[in-house]
Amino acid sequence: MNKTNTKKLAIAGVFCAVAVVGSLFSFPVFGSKCSPVQHMVNILCAVMLGPAYGVGAAFAAALIRNLLGLGSLMAFPGSMFGAFVCGIVYAKTKNILGTLIGEVIGTAILGGLCAYPIAIFFMGQSAAGLAFYAYIIPFLISTAGGAIISAVLIYSLKKNGVLHTMQESLSR
């Protein structure tokens, strides 16, 4: 059991690093920096590690991105809600398409709505006027891109039987 946790923690760390480096390939939409690699990582964490490791990796990546000036405060709700929802969906259903949709809904809707109070509290009232309307669309664009990238990766791994082998290795 301890060996499995160490494996999962190490892979979560690698996914966190991929998300941070992947944030170099972000694009601005309104007040948000869209980073589709983060959403790809969320889905991969959900499928391979589970919701707790996914949320942990998303939080760590958002924190590091903010400390390095590669992200905005919106990285927290944008990545963590998506990681949680897609992780729960995959844990309960083992359905990859549902997991992709869970990431999109968790990030775009829940993360976008939770960006509103963050914009009010941390970014000032001027950002708050935009937040409710302007964060759902950028989060949707970002997470849809990440879902497409991860779908290609996951379905390729599944087709070749590698996904099952990886999942089995992590469950021992």
N, C-alpha and C. Protein backbone atom coordinates (compact mmCIF):
# COMPACT_ATOMS: atom_id res chain seq x y z
N MET A 1 0.83 -1.19 0.00
CA MET A 1 0.00 0.00 0.00
C MET A 1 0.87 1.25 0.00
N ASN A 2 1.90 1.28 0.80
CA ASN A 2 2.78 2.44 0.85
C ASN A 2 3.51 2.62 -0.47
N LYS A 3 3.89 1.49 -1.12
CA LYS A 3 4.57 1.56 -2.41
C LYS A 3 3.66 2.18 -3.46
N THR A 4 2.38 1.80 -3.44
CA THR A 4 1.42 2.36 -4.38
C THR A 4 1.27 3.86 -4.18
N ASN A 5 1.18 4.29 -2.93
CA ASN A 5 1.06 5.72 -2.65
C ASN A 5 2.28 6.48 -3.14
N THR A 6 3.46 5.89 -2.99
CA THR A 6 4.68 6.54 -3.46
C THR A 6 4.66 6.66 -4.98
N LYS A 7 4.23 5.61 -5.67
CA LYS A 7 4.12 5.66 -7.13
C LYS A 7 3.14 6.75 -7.56
N LYS A 8 1.98 6.75 -6.91
CA LYS A 8 0.96 7.74 -7.28
C LYS A 8 1.44 9.16 -7.00
N LEU A 9 2.11 9.35 -5.88
CA LEU A 9 2.62 10.67 -5.53
C LEU A 9 3.67 11.13 -6.54
N ALA A 10 4.54 10.21 -6.95
CA ALA A 10 5.57 10.54 -7.94
C ALA A 10 4.95 10.91 -9.28
N ILE A 11 3.95 10.15 -9.70
CA ILE A 11 3.29 10.45 -10.98
C ILE A 11 2.52 11.76 -10.88
N ALA A 12 1.88 12.01 -9.74
CA ALA A 12 1.19 13.29 -9.55
C ALA A 12 2.17 14.45 -9.64
N GLY A 13 3.37 14.26 -9.10
CA GLY A 13 4.42 15.29 -9.20
C GLY A 13 4.84 15.53 -10.64
N VAL A 14 4.96 14.47 -11.40
CA VAL A 14 5.32 14.60 -12.82
C VAL A 14 4.19 15.33 -13.56
N PHE A 15 2.94 14.96 -13.28
CA PHE A 15 1.81 15.65 -13.92
C PHE A 15 1.77 17.12 -13.54
N CYS A 16 2.08 17.42 -12.28
CA CYS A 16 2.14 18.81 -11.82
C CYS A 16 3.20 19.57 -12.61
N ALA A 17 4.36 18.96 -12.79
CA ALA A 17 5.43 19.60 -13.56
C ALA A 17 5.02 19.81 -15.01
N VAL A 18 4.35 18.84 -15.59
CA VAL A 18 3.87 18.99 -16.97
C VAL A 18 2.88 20.16 -17.07
N ALA A 19 2.01 20.29 -16.07
CA ALA A 19 1.05 21.40 -16.08
C ALA A 19 1.75 22.75 -15.96
N VAL A 20 2.76 22.82 -15.11
CA VAL A 20 3.49 24.08 -14.94
C VAL A 20 4.23 24.44 -16.23
N VAL A 21 4.96 23.49 -16.77
CA VAL A 21 5.69 23.75 -18.02
C VAL A 21 4.71 24.02 -19.16
N GLY A 22 3.61 23.28 -19.17
CA GLY A 22 2.59 23.49 -20.20
C GLY A 22 1.94 24.86 -20.14
N SER A 23 2.01 25.51 -18.98
CA SER A 23 1.41 26.84 -18.87
C SER A 23 2.20 27.88 -19.66
N LEU A 24 3.40 27.53 -20.08
CA LEU A 24 4.15 28.42 -20.97
C LEU A 24 3.45 28.55 -22.31
N PHE A 25 2.61 27.59 -22.61
CA PHE A 25 1.84 27.60 -23.85
C PHE A 25 0.40 28.01 -23.55
N SER A 26 0.24 29.14 -22.92
CA SER A 26 -1.10 29.64 -22.59
C SER A 26 -1.41 30.85 -23.48
N PHE A 27 -2.68 31.18 -23.51
CA PHE A 27 -3.11 32.34 -24.28
C PHE A 27 -4.14 33.11 -23.46
N PRO A 28 -4.09 34.43 -23.53
CA PRO A 28 -5.03 35.24 -22.73
C PRO A 28 -6.39 35.35 -23.41
N VAL A 29 -7.42 35.20 -22.60
CA VAL A 29 -8.79 35.46 -23.03
C VAL A 29 -9.42 36.24 -21.88
N PHE A 30 -9.77 37.49 -22.11
CA PHE A 30 -10.25 38.41 -21.09
C PHE A 30 -9.23 38.47 -19.96
N GLY A 31 -9.62 38.24 -18.70
CA GLY A 31 -8.70 38.35 -17.58
C GLY A 31 -8.06 37.04 -17.19
N SER A 32 -8.24 36.03 -18.01
CA SER A 32 -7.75 34.69 -17.67
C SER A 32 -6.67 34.25 -18.64
N LYS A 33 -5.71 33.50 -18.13
CA LYS A 33 -4.72 32.87 -19.00
C LYS A 33 -5.18 31.43 -19.22
N CYS A 34 -5.54 31.11 -20.44
CA CYS A 34 -6.05 29.78 -20.75
C CYS A 34 -4.89 28.83 -20.98
N SER A 35 -4.89 27.75 -20.23
CA SER A 35 -3.82 26.76 -20.31
C SER A 35 -4.44 25.38 -20.50
N PRO A 36 -4.61 24.96 -21.74
CA PRO A 36 -5.26 23.66 -21.98
C PRO A 36 -4.46 22.47 -21.44
N VAL A 37 -3.16 22.63 -21.27
CA VAL A 37 -2.35 21.52 -20.75
C VAL A 37 -2.78 21.18 -19.32
N GLN A 38 -3.15 22.17 -18.53
CA GLN A 38 -3.63 21.92 -17.17
C GLN A 38 -4.85 21.01 -17.20
N HIS A 39 -5.75 21.22 -18.12
CA HIS A 39 -6.97 20.43 -18.18
C HIS A 39 -6.69 19.02 -18.70
N MET A 40 -5.72 18.91 -19.58
CA MET A 40 -5.27 17.59 -20.02
C MET A 40 -4.73 16.82 -18.82
N VAL A 41 -3.92 17.49 -18.01
CA VAL A 41 -3.35 16.86 -16.82
C VAL A 41 -4.45 16.46 -15.84
N ASN A 42 -5.45 17.31 -15.66
CA ASN A 42 -6.57 16.97 -14.76
C ASN A 42 -7.22 15.66 -15.17
N ILE A 43 -7.46 15.50 -16.46
CA ILE A 43 -8.13 14.30 -16.95
C ILE A 43 -7.22 13.08 -16.82
N LEU A 44 -5.95 13.24 -17.15
CA LEU A 44 -5.02 12.12 -16.99
C LEU A 44 -4.89 11.70 -15.53
N CYS A 45 -4.87 12.67 -14.62
CA CYS A 45 -4.84 12.35 -13.19
C CYS A 45 -6.10 11.62 -12.77
N ALA A 46 -7.24 12.05 -13.27
CA ALA A 46 -8.51 11.40 -12.93
C ALA A 46 -8.51 9.94 -13.36
N VAL A 47 -8.02 9.68 -14.56
CA VAL A 47 -8.04 8.33 -15.11
C VAL A 47 -6.99 7.44 -14.46
N MET A 48 -5.85 7.98 -14.12
CA MET A 48 -4.77 7.15 -13.60
C MET A 48 -4.63 7.18 -12.08
N LEU A 49 -4.96 8.29 -11.45
CA LEU A 49 -4.66 8.44 -10.03
C LEU A 49 -5.88 8.59 -9.13
N GLY A 50 -6.95 9.16 -9.63
CA GLY A 50 -8.13 9.39 -8.82
C GLY A 50 -8.32 10.86 -8.48
N PRO A 51 -9.48 11.18 -7.91
CA PRO A 51 -9.83 12.59 -7.68
C PRO A 51 -8.94 13.30 -6.66
N ALA A 52 -8.53 12.63 -5.60
CA ALA A 52 -7.72 13.30 -4.57
C ALA A 52 -6.37 13.73 -5.12
N TYR A 53 -5.71 12.84 -5.83
CA TYR A 53 -4.42 13.19 -6.43
C TYR A 53 -4.60 14.23 -7.53
N GLY A 54 -5.70 14.16 -8.25
CA GLY A 54 -5.97 15.14 -9.30
C GLY A 54 -6.13 16.54 -8.74
N VAL A 55 -6.91 16.66 -7.67
CA VAL A 55 -7.10 17.98 -7.03
C VAL A 55 -5.79 18.47 -6.42
N GLY A 56 -5.05 17.56 -5.81
CA GLY A 56 -3.75 17.94 -5.23
C GLY A 56 -2.77 18.43 -6.29
N ALA A 57 -2.70 17.72 -7.40
CA ALA A 57 -1.81 18.14 -8.49
C ALA A 57 -2.27 19.46 -9.09
N ALA A 58 -3.58 19.64 -9.22
CA ALA A 58 -4.12 20.90 -9.76
C ALA A 58 -3.80 22.07 -8.84
N PHE A 59 -3.96 21.87 -7.52
CA PHE A 59 -3.65 22.93 -6.58
C PHE A 59 -2.16 23.27 -6.62
N ALA A 60 -1.32 22.25 -6.59
CA ALA A 60 0.13 22.49 -6.60
C ALA A 60 0.55 23.20 -7.88
N ALA A 61 0.01 22.78 -9.02
CA ALA A 61 0.36 23.42 -10.29
C ALA A 61 -0.11 24.87 -10.31
N ALA A 62 -1.33 25.14 -9.81
CA ALA A 62 -1.83 26.51 -9.77
C ALA A 62 -0.96 27.38 -8.87
N LEU A 63 -0.57 26.83 -7.73
CA LEU A 63 0.27 27.58 -6.80
C LEU A 63 1.63 27.90 -7.42
N ILE A 64 2.26 26.91 -8.01
CA ILE A 64 3.57 27.12 -8.63
C ILE A 64 3.45 28.09 -9.80
N ARG A 65 2.42 27.94 -10.62
CA ARG A 65 2.22 28.85 -11.75
C ARG A 65 2.08 30.29 -11.27
N ASN A 66 1.34 30.49 -10.18
CA ASN A 66 1.17 31.85 -9.65
C ASN A 66 2.46 32.38 -9.05
N LEU A 67 3.20 31.55 -8.35
CA LEU A 67 4.46 31.98 -7.75
C LEU A 67 5.49 32.34 -8.83
N LEU A 68 5.43 31.66 -9.96
CA LEU A 68 6.36 31.95 -11.06
C LEU A 68 5.84 33.02 -12.01
N GLY A 69 4.64 33.52 -11.79
CA GLY A 69 4.07 34.53 -12.66
C GLY A 69 3.58 33.97 -13.99
N LEU A 70 3.30 32.68 -14.04
CA LEU A 70 2.84 32.05 -15.28
C LEU A 70 1.33 31.90 -15.34
N GLY A 71 0.64 32.22 -14.28
CA GLY A 71 -0.81 32.07 -14.24
C GLY A 71 -1.45 33.20 -13.49
N SER A 72 -2.76 33.16 -13.46
CA SER A 72 -3.51 34.16 -12.69
C SER A 72 -4.16 33.45 -11.50
N LEU A 73 -4.78 34.22 -10.64
CA LEU A 73 -5.48 33.63 -9.50
C LEU A 73 -6.63 32.73 -9.95
N MET A 74 -7.07 32.92 -11.17
CA MET A 74 -8.17 32.10 -11.69
C MET A 74 -7.72 30.66 -11.95
N ALA A 75 -6.43 30.40 -11.86
CA ALA A 75 -5.93 29.03 -12.04
C ALA A 75 -6.45 28.11 -10.93
N PHE A 76 -6.70 28.65 -9.76
CA PHE A 76 -7.17 27.81 -8.65
C PHE A 76 -8.57 27.26 -8.90
N PRO A 77 -9.59 28.12 -9.06
CA PRO A 77 -10.90 27.52 -9.29
C PRO A 77 -10.99 26.84 -10.66
N GLY A 78 -10.29 27.39 -11.63
CA GLY A 78 -10.36 26.84 -12.98
C GLY A 78 -9.84 25.42 -13.07
N SER A 79 -8.80 25.11 -12.32
CA SER A 79 -8.23 23.77 -12.42
C SER A 79 -8.76 22.82 -11.36
N MET A 80 -8.98 23.30 -10.15
CA MET A 80 -9.34 22.40 -9.06
C MET A 80 -10.76 21.86 -9.17
N PHE A 81 -11.70 22.68 -9.59
CA PHE A 81 -13.07 22.17 -9.75
C PHE A 81 -13.15 21.15 -10.87
N GLY A 82 -12.46 21.43 -11.95
CA GLY A 82 -12.45 20.47 -13.07
C GLY A 82 -11.82 19.16 -12.66
N ALA A 83 -10.70 19.21 -11.94
CA ALA A 83 -10.03 18.00 -11.48
C ALA A 83 -10.93 17.19 -10.54
N PHE A 84 -11.63 17.88 -9.67
CA PHE A 84 -12.52 17.20 -8.73
C PHE A 84 -13.67 16.52 -9.45
N VAL A 85 -14.36 17.27 -10.31
CA VAL A 85 -15.55 16.71 -10.98
C VAL A 85 -15.16 15.55 -11.90
N CYS A 86 -14.13 15.73 -12.73
CA CYS A 86 -13.77 14.64 -13.64
C CYS A 86 -13.21 13.45 -12.87
N GLY A 87 -12.53 13.69 -11.75
CA GLY A 87 -12.04 12.59 -10.93
C GLY A 87 -13.16 11.78 -10.33
N ILE A 88 -14.18 12.46 -9.83
CA ILE A 88 -15.35 11.77 -9.26
C ILE A 88 -16.10 11.00 -10.35
N VAL A 89 -16.29 11.63 -11.49
CA VAL A 89 -17.01 10.97 -12.59
C VAL A 89 -16.28 9.69 -13.01
N TYR A 90 -14.95 9.77 -13.17
CA TYR A 90 -14.22 8.57 -13.59
C TYR A 90 -14.22 7.51 -12.49
N ALA A 91 -14.08 7.92 -11.25
CA ALA A 91 -14.07 6.96 -10.14
C ALA A 91 -15.39 6.20 -10.04
N LYS A 92 -16.48 6.88 -10.31
CA LYS A 92 -17.81 6.26 -10.19
C LYS A 92 -18.22 5.48 -11.44
N THR A 93 -17.82 5.95 -12.63
CA THR A 93 -18.36 5.36 -13.86
C THR A 93 -17.34 4.64 -14.73
N LYS A 94 -16.08 4.99 -14.61
CA LYS A 94 -15.01 4.49 -15.51
C LYS A 94 -15.29 4.83 -16.98
N ASN A 95 -16.08 5.85 -17.20
CA ASN A 95 -16.46 6.28 -18.54
C ASN A 95 -15.56 7.46 -18.95
N ILE A 96 -14.79 7.27 -20.00
CA ILE A 96 -13.84 8.31 -20.41
C ILE A 96 -14.57 9.52 -20.97
N LEU A 97 -15.57 9.32 -21.81
CA LEU A 97 -16.31 10.46 -22.36
C LEU A 97 -16.97 11.27 -21.25
N GLY A 98 -17.55 10.58 -20.27
CA GLY A 98 -18.15 11.27 -19.13
C GLY A 98 -17.12 12.05 -18.33
N THR A 99 -15.92 11.49 -18.25
CA THR A 99 -14.83 12.17 -17.55
C THR A 99 -14.43 13.44 -18.27
N LEU A 100 -14.35 13.37 -19.59
CA LEU A 100 -14.04 14.57 -20.39
C LEU A 100 -15.10 15.64 -20.20
N ILE A 101 -16.35 15.23 -20.24
CA ILE A 101 -17.45 16.18 -20.04
C ILE A 101 -17.43 16.73 -18.61
N GLY A 102 -17.10 15.88 -17.64
CA GLY A 102 -17.00 16.33 -16.25
C GLY A 102 -15.94 17.40 -16.07
N GLU A 103 -14.82 17.24 -16.76
CA GLU A 103 -13.76 18.27 -16.71
C GLU A 103 -14.27 19.59 -17.29
N VAL A 104 -14.95 19.52 -18.40
CA VAL A 104 -15.45 20.73 -19.05
C VAL A 104 -16.49 21.43 -18.16
N ILE A 105 -17.43 20.67 -17.62
CA ILE A 105 -18.47 21.25 -16.77
C ILE A 105 -17.86 21.77 -15.46
N GLY A 106 -16.99 20.97 -14.85
CA GLY A 106 -16.38 21.39 -13.58
C GLY A 106 -15.56 22.66 -13.73
N THR A 107 -14.80 22.74 -14.82
CA THR A 107 -13.96 23.92 -15.01
C THR A 107 -14.77 25.11 -15.50
N ALA A 108 -15.52 24.93 -16.58
CA ALA A 108 -16.20 26.07 -17.20
C ALA A 108 -17.32 26.61 -16.33
N ILE A 109 -18.17 25.74 -15.82
CA ILE A 109 -19.33 26.22 -15.07
C ILE A 109 -18.97 26.47 -13.60
N LEU A 110 -18.54 25.43 -12.89
CA LEU A 110 -18.25 25.61 -11.46
C LEU A 110 -17.04 26.51 -11.24
N GLY A 111 -15.96 26.25 -11.97
CA GLY A 111 -14.76 27.08 -11.83
C GLY A 111 -15.01 28.52 -12.26
N GLY A 112 -15.76 28.68 -13.35
CA GLY A 112 -16.08 30.03 -13.83
C GLY A 112 -16.93 30.81 -12.85
N LEU A 113 -17.91 30.14 -12.24
CA LEU A 113 -18.75 30.81 -11.24
C LEU A 113 -17.98 31.11 -9.96
N CYS A 114 -17.06 30.24 -9.57
CA CYS A 114 -16.27 30.48 -8.37
C CYS A 114 -15.18 31.51 -8.59
N ALA A 115 -14.89 31.80 -9.84
CA ALA A 115 -13.92 32.86 -10.14
C ALA A 115 -14.48 34.23 -9.76
N TYR A 116 -15.79 34.36 -9.75
CA TYR A 116 -16.43 35.63 -9.44
C TYR A 116 -16.06 36.14 -8.04
N PRO A 117 -16.26 35.36 -6.96
CA PRO A 117 -15.87 35.89 -5.65
C PRO A 117 -14.36 36.11 -5.51
N ILE A 118 -13.57 35.30 -6.18
CA ILE A 118 -12.12 35.50 -6.15
C ILE A 118 -11.77 36.83 -6.80
N ALA A 119 -12.43 37.13 -7.92
CA ALA A 119 -12.17 38.41 -8.60
C ALA A 119 -12.59 39.58 -7.72
N ILE A 120 -13.68 39.45 -6.99
CA ILE A 120 -14.13 40.53 -6.10
C ILE A 120 -13.13 40.72 -4.96
N PHE A 121 -12.77 39.62 -4.30
CA PHE A 121 -11.97 39.70 -3.09
C PHE A 121 -10.51 40.05 -3.37
N PHE A 122 -9.91 39.42 -4.36
CA PHE A 122 -8.48 39.59 -4.59
C PHE A 122 -8.12 40.57 -5.69
N MET A 123 -9.00 40.73 -6.68
CA MET A 123 -8.63 41.53 -7.85
C MET A 123 -9.35 42.87 -7.90
N GLY A 124 -10.26 43.12 -6.98
CA GLY A 124 -10.93 44.41 -6.93
C GLY A 124 -12.27 44.40 -7.65
N GLN A 125 -13.06 45.40 -7.39
CA GLN A 125 -14.42 45.48 -7.91
C GLN A 125 -14.47 45.58 -9.43
N SER A 126 -13.46 46.22 -10.05
CA SER A 126 -13.50 46.37 -11.51
C SER A 126 -13.43 45.03 -12.21
N ALA A 127 -12.64 44.11 -11.67
CA ALA A 127 -12.55 42.78 -12.26
C ALA A 127 -13.80 41.97 -11.98
N ALA A 128 -14.46 42.27 -10.88
CA ALA A 128 -15.65 41.51 -10.51
C ALA A 128 -16.79 41.72 -11.51
N GLY A 129 -16.89 42.89 -12.07
CA GLY A 129 -17.93 43.14 -13.06
C GLY A 129 -17.80 42.24 -14.27
N LEU A 130 -16.59 41.94 -14.63
CA LEU A 130 -16.35 41.04 -15.76
C LEU A 130 -16.40 39.57 -15.39
N ALA A 131 -16.05 39.27 -14.16
CA ALA A 131 -15.78 37.88 -13.78
C ALA A 131 -16.94 36.94 -14.05
N PHE A 132 -18.14 37.33 -13.65
CA PHE A 132 -19.27 36.41 -13.79
C PHE A 132 -19.50 36.04 -15.24
N TYR A 133 -19.40 37.00 -16.13
CA TYR A 133 -19.67 36.75 -17.55
C TYR A 133 -18.42 36.34 -18.32
N ALA A 134 -17.30 36.83 -17.90
CA ALA A 134 -16.10 36.69 -18.72
C ALA A 134 -15.23 35.48 -18.38
N TYR A 135 -15.46 34.79 -17.29
CA TYR A 135 -14.60 33.65 -16.97
C TYR A 135 -15.17 32.32 -17.43
N ILE A 136 -16.45 32.21 -17.56
CA ILE A 136 -17.03 30.95 -18.02
C ILE A 136 -16.58 30.66 -19.44
N ILE A 137 -16.61 31.63 -20.32
CA ILE A 137 -16.22 31.43 -21.72
C ILE A 137 -14.72 31.10 -21.86
N PRO A 138 -13.81 31.86 -21.24
CA PRO A 138 -12.40 31.49 -21.36
C PRO A 138 -12.10 30.12 -20.75
N PHE A 139 -12.73 29.81 -19.62
CA PHE A 139 -12.52 28.50 -19.02
C PHE A 139 -13.03 27.40 -19.94
N LEU A 140 -14.15 27.66 -20.60
CA LEU A 140 -14.72 26.69 -21.54
C LEU A 140 -13.77 26.45 -22.71
N ILE A 141 -13.20 27.51 -23.23
CA ILE A 141 -12.25 27.39 -24.35
C ILE A 141 -11.03 26.59 -23.92
N SER A 142 -10.49 26.93 -22.78
CA SER A 142 -9.29 26.27 -22.29
C SER A 142 -9.53 24.79 -22.00
N THR A 143 -10.61 24.50 -21.30
CA THR A 143 -10.87 23.12 -20.91
C THR A 143 -11.28 22.25 -22.10
N ALA A 144 -11.95 22.84 -23.07
CA ALA A 144 -12.30 22.06 -24.27
C ALA A 144 -11.04 21.65 -25.02
N GLY A 145 -10.09 22.56 -25.12
CA GLY A 145 -8.82 22.22 -25.77
C GLY A 145 -8.08 21.11 -25.02
N GLY A 146 -8.03 21.22 -23.70
CA GLY A 146 -7.38 20.20 -22.89
C GLY A 146 -8.09 18.86 -22.97
N ALA A 147 -9.43 18.90 -23.03
CA ALA A 147 -10.20 17.66 -23.14
C ALA A 147 -9.93 16.96 -24.47
N ILE A 148 -9.80 17.73 -25.53
CA ILE A 148 -9.51 17.14 -26.83
C ILE A 148 -8.12 16.50 -26.83
N ILE A 149 -7.14 17.20 -26.30
CA ILE A 149 -5.78 16.66 -26.24
C ILE A 149 -5.75 15.37 -25.41
N SER A 150 -6.40 15.40 -24.25
CA SER A 150 -6.37 14.22 -23.39
C SER A 150 -7.18 13.08 -23.99
N ALA A 151 -8.25 13.39 -24.70
CA ALA A 151 -9.03 12.33 -25.36
C ALA A 151 -8.18 11.58 -26.37
N VAL A 152 -7.39 12.32 -27.15
CA VAL A 152 -6.50 11.68 -28.12
C VAL A 152 -5.50 10.78 -27.40
N LEU A 153 -4.90 11.30 -26.33
CA LEU A 153 -3.92 10.51 -25.57
C LEU A 153 -4.55 9.27 -24.93
N ILE A 154 -5.65 9.46 -24.25
CA ILE A 154 -6.27 8.36 -23.51
C ILE A 154 -6.80 7.28 -24.46
N TYR A 155 -7.47 7.69 -25.51
CA TYR A 155 -7.99 6.68 -26.44
C TYR A 155 -6.87 5.96 -27.18
N SER A 156 -5.76 6.64 -27.44
CA SER A 156 -4.60 5.97 -28.04
C SER A 156 -4.00 4.96 -27.07
N LEU A 157 -3.84 5.35 -25.81
CA LEU A 157 -3.32 4.43 -24.79
C LEU A 157 -4.26 3.25 -24.58
N LYS A 158 -5.56 3.53 -24.60
CA LYS A 158 -6.55 2.46 -24.40
C LYS A 158 -6.54 1.48 -25.58
N LYS A 159 -6.45 2.00 -26.78
CA LYS A 159 -6.46 1.16 -27.98
C LYS A 159 -5.27 0.20 -27.99
N ASN A 160 -4.13 0.66 -27.51
CA ASN A 160 -2.92 -0.16 -27.49
C ASN A 160 -2.79 -1.01 -26.23
N GLY A 161 -3.73 -0.90 -25.30
CA GLY A 161 -3.69 -1.68 -24.06
C GLY A 161 -2.75 -1.13 -23.01
N VAL A 162 -2.15 0.01 -23.27
CA VAL A 162 -1.20 0.60 -22.33
C VAL A 162 -1.91 1.22 -21.13
N LEU A 163 -3.07 1.79 -21.36
CA LEU A 163 -3.81 2.45 -20.28
C LEU A 163 -4.14 1.46 -19.17
N HIS A 164 -4.64 0.31 -19.54
CA HIS A 164 -4.99 -0.70 -18.53
C HIS A 164 -3.75 -1.16 -17.76
N THR A 165 -2.65 -1.33 -18.47
CA THR A 165 -1.39 -1.73 -17.82
C THR A 165 -0.93 -0.67 -16.82
N MET A 166 -1.03 0.59 -17.21
CA MET A 166 -0.63 1.67 -16.31
C MET A 166 -1.54 1.72 -15.07
N GLN A 167 -2.84 1.58 -15.30
CA GLN A 167 -3.78 1.60 -14.18
C GLN A 167 -3.53 0.43 -13.23
N GLU A 168 -3.27 -0.74 -13.79
CA GLU A 168 -2.98 -1.92 -12.96
C GLU A 168 -1.71 -1.72 -12.15
N SER A 169 -0.70 -1.14 -12.76
CA SER A 169 0.56 -0.90 -12.07
C SER A 169 0.37 0.04 -10.88
N LEU A 170 -0.51 1.00 -11.03
CA LEU A 170 -0.74 1.96 -9.96
C LEU A 170 -1.68 1.44 -8.86
N SER A 171 -2.42 0.39 -9.17
CA SER A 171 -3.35 -0.13 -8.18
C SER A 171 -2.74 -1.23 -7.31
N ARG A 172 -1.56 -1.68 -7.66
CA ARG A 172 -0.90 -2.74 -6.85
C ARG A 172 -0.21 -2.16 -5.65
